[in-house]
Amino acid sequence: MENDSFQFQPRCSTHGCSSPARYKVAAPWNDAKNHELKNYGLACQEHRDELLARARAKRAGIHTAEGESVGEVGVYELVPGRRDAELTRVSD
């Protein structure tokens, strides 16, 4: 049987850009029971730094609930077939 897993190429989330996304701008989030990357958007190479700056400004205004934490916003390389927990953070 062939491996026919679903594959799709996400696009940059910057308005008006249709370039393939290479990065996920996100912050580690957890509430003591669950953990994931809180997504601030997907970015192509051209819009990566702009999206990172907007995400950091947005993160600064977040108020967490008791037992909840949101880490530092960073840039993670998108790799087909990998889940959030398997993504590698790249230098900002």
C-alpha atoms as a PDB file:
ATOM      1  CA  MET A   1       0.000   0.000   0.000  1.00  0.00           C
ATOM      2  CA  GLU A   2       1.361   3.421  -0.957  1.00  0.00           C
ATOM      3  CA  ASN A   3       1.810   6.204   1.565  1.00  0.00           C
ATOM      4  CA  ASP A   4      -0.841   8.679   0.450  1.00  0.00           C
ATOM      5  CA  SER A   5      -0.652  10.937   3.488  1.00  0.00           C
ATOM      6  CA  PHE A   6      -2.206  14.350   3.112  1.00  0.00           C
ATOM      7  CA  GLN A   7       0.338  17.007   2.167  1.00  0.00           C
ATOM      8  CA  PHE A   8      -0.296  20.687   1.724  1.00  0.00           C
ATOM      9  CA  GLN A   9       1.905  23.748   1.525  1.00  0.00           C
ATOM     10  CA  PRO A  10       0.780  26.492   3.907  1.00  0.00           C
ATOM     11  CA  ARG A  11       1.032  30.063   2.673  1.00  0.00           C
ATOM     12  CA  CYS A  12       2.424  33.141   4.391  1.00  0.00           C
ATOM     13  CA  SER A  13      -0.241  34.741   6.567  1.00  0.00           C
ATOM     14  CA  THR A  14       0.810  38.307   5.698  1.00  0.00           C
ATOM     15  CA  HIS A  15      -2.081  40.009   3.926  1.00  0.00           C
ATOM     16  CA  GLY A  16      -1.596  39.961   0.161  1.00  0.00           C
ATOM     17  CA  CYS A  17       1.298  37.475   0.202  1.00  0.00           C
ATOM     18  CA  SER A  18       0.856  34.098  -1.462  1.00  0.00           C
ATOM     19  CA  SER A  19       4.401  32.824  -0.961  1.00  0.00           C
ATOM     20  CA  PRO A  20       4.917  29.441   0.688  1.00  0.00           C
ATOM     21  CA  ALA A  21       5.372  29.685   4.457  1.00  0.00           C
ATOM     22  CA  ARG A  22       8.776  28.549   5.701  1.00  0.00           C
ATOM     23  CA  TYR A  23       8.336  29.516   9.343  1.00  0.00           C
ATOM     24  CA  LYS A  24       5.834  29.434  12.174  1.00  0.00           C
ATOM     25  CA  VAL A  25       5.994  32.389  14.550  1.00  0.00           C
ATOM     26  CA  ALA A  26       4.844  31.035  17.897  1.00  0.00           C
ATOM     27  CA  ALA A  27       5.356  30.878  21.648  1.00  0.00           C
ATOM     28  CA  PRO A  28       5.344  27.822  23.914  1.00  0.00           C
ATOM     29  CA  TRP A  29       2.054  27.729  25.846  1.00  0.00           C
ATOM     30  CA  ASN A  30       0.823  25.449  28.609  1.00  0.00           C
ATOM     31  CA  ASP A  31      -1.909  25.251  31.204  1.00  0.00           C
ATOM     32  CA  ALA A  32      -0.392  22.440  33.314  1.00  0.00           C
ATOM     33  CA  LYS A  33      -2.443  19.847  31.402  1.00  0.00           C
ATOM     34  CA  ASN A  34      -1.706  20.713  27.791  1.00  0.00           C
ATOM     35  CA  HIS A  35       1.182  22.266  25.961  1.00  0.00           C
ATOM     36  CA  GLU A  36       1.535  23.511  22.400  1.00  0.00           C
ATOM     37  CA  LEU A  37       2.912  26.344  20.346  1.00  0.00           C
ATOM     38  CA  LYS A  38       0.601  29.368  20.420  1.00  0.00           C
ATOM     39  CA  ASN A  39       0.514  30.366  16.773  1.00  0.00           C
ATOM     40  CA  TYR A  40       0.997  34.005  15.844  1.00  0.00           C
ATOM     41  CA  GLY A  41       1.206  33.302  12.124  1.00  0.00           C
ATOM     42  CA  LEU A  42       3.057  31.639   9.277  1.00  0.00           C
ATOM     43  CA  ALA A  43       5.726  33.518   7.363  1.00  0.00           C
ATOM     44  CA  CYS A  44       7.751  33.390   4.200  1.00  0.00           C
ATOM     45  CA  GLN A  45      11.402  34.523   4.337  1.00  0.00           C
ATOM     46  CA  GLU A  46      10.476  38.070   3.285  1.00  0.00           C
ATOM     47  CA  HIS A  47       7.853  38.632   6.010  1.00  0.00           C
ATOM     48  CA  ARG A  48       9.444  36.653   8.860  1.00  0.00           C
ATOM     49  CA  ASP A  49      10.952  39.566  10.801  1.00  0.00           C
ATOM     50  CA  GLU A  50       7.864  41.752  10.349  1.00  0.00           C
ATOM     51  CA  LEU A  51       5.574  39.015  11.659  1.00  0.00           C
ATOM     52  CA  LEU A  52       7.961  38.286  14.552  1.00  0.00           C
ATOM     53  CA  ALA A  53       7.917  41.946  15.632  1.00  0.00           C
ATOM     54  CA  ARG A  54       4.095  42.088  15.488  1.00  0.00           C
ATOM     55  CA  ALA A  55       3.826  38.822  17.457  1.00  0.00           C
ATOM     56  CA  ARG A  56       6.168  40.069  20.182  1.00  0.00           C
ATOM     57  CA  ALA A  57       4.114  43.247  20.551  1.00  0.00           C
ATOM     58  CA  LYS A  58       0.911  41.221  20.733  1.00  0.00           C
ATOM     59  CA  ARG A  59       2.465  38.790  23.250  1.00  0.00           C
ATOM     60  CA  ALA A  60       3.402  41.680  25.530  1.00  0.00           C
ATOM     61  CA  GLY A  61      -0.312  42.427  26.003  1.00  0.00           C
ATOM     62  CA  ILE A  62      -1.400  38.903  26.942  1.00  0.00           C
ATOM     63  CA  HIS A  63      -2.589  38.267  30.481  1.00  0.00           C
ATOM     64  CA  THR A  64      -2.482  34.616  31.487  1.00  0.00           C
ATOM     65  CA  ALA A  65      -4.916  32.769  33.720  1.00  0.00           C
ATOM     66  CA  GLU A  66      -3.828  31.038  36.906  1.00  0.00           C
ATOM     67  CA  GLY A  67      -1.729  27.983  36.015  1.00  0.00           C
ATOM     68  CA  GLU A  68      -1.249  29.125  32.431  1.00  0.00           C
ATOM     69  CA  SER A  69       2.047  30.263  30.929  1.00  0.00           C
ATOM     70  CA  VAL A  70       3.148  31.641  27.580  1.00  0.00           C
ATOM     71  CA  GLY A  71       6.846  31.617  26.746  1.00  0.00           C
ATOM     72  CA  GLU A  72       8.932  33.839  24.537  1.00  0.00           C
ATOM     73  CA  VAL A  73       7.813  34.305  20.941  1.00  0.00           C
ATOM     74  CA  GLY A  74      10.204  32.755  18.460  1.00  0.00           C
ATOM     75  CA  VAL A  75      10.563  31.487  14.918  1.00  0.00           C
ATOM     76  CA  TYR A  76      10.197  27.775  14.174  1.00  0.00           C
ATOM     77  CA  GLU A  77      11.113  26.126  10.889  1.00  0.00           C
ATOM     78  CA  LEU A  78       8.159  24.415   9.217  1.00  0.00           C
ATOM     79  CA  VAL A  79       8.980  20.865   8.166  1.00  0.00           C
ATOM     80  CA  PRO A  80       6.407  18.804   6.238  1.00  0.00           C
ATOM     81  CA  GLY A  81       5.007  15.957   8.300  1.00  0.00           C
ATOM     82  CA  ARG A  82       6.180  17.323  11.660  1.00  0.00           C
ATOM     83  CA  ARG A  83       3.903  18.406  14.497  1.00  0.00           C
ATOM     84  CA  ASP A  84       4.413  21.555  16.590  1.00  0.00           C
ATOM     85  CA  ALA A  85       6.275  19.650  19.291  1.00  0.00           C
ATOM     86  CA  GLU A  86       8.786  18.440  16.704  1.00  0.00           C
ATOM     87  CA  LEU A  87       9.543  21.852  15.156  1.00  0.00           C
ATOM     88  CA  THR A  88      12.978  23.349  15.726  1.00  0.00           C
ATOM     89  CA  ARG A  89      13.342  26.930  16.842  1.00  0.00           C
ATOM     90  CA  VAL A  90      15.681  28.922  14.624  1.00  0.00           C
ATOM     91  CA  SER A  91      17.653  32.012  15.579  1.00  0.00           C
ATOM     92  CA  ASP A  92      15.683  35.221  15.439  1.00  0.00           C
END
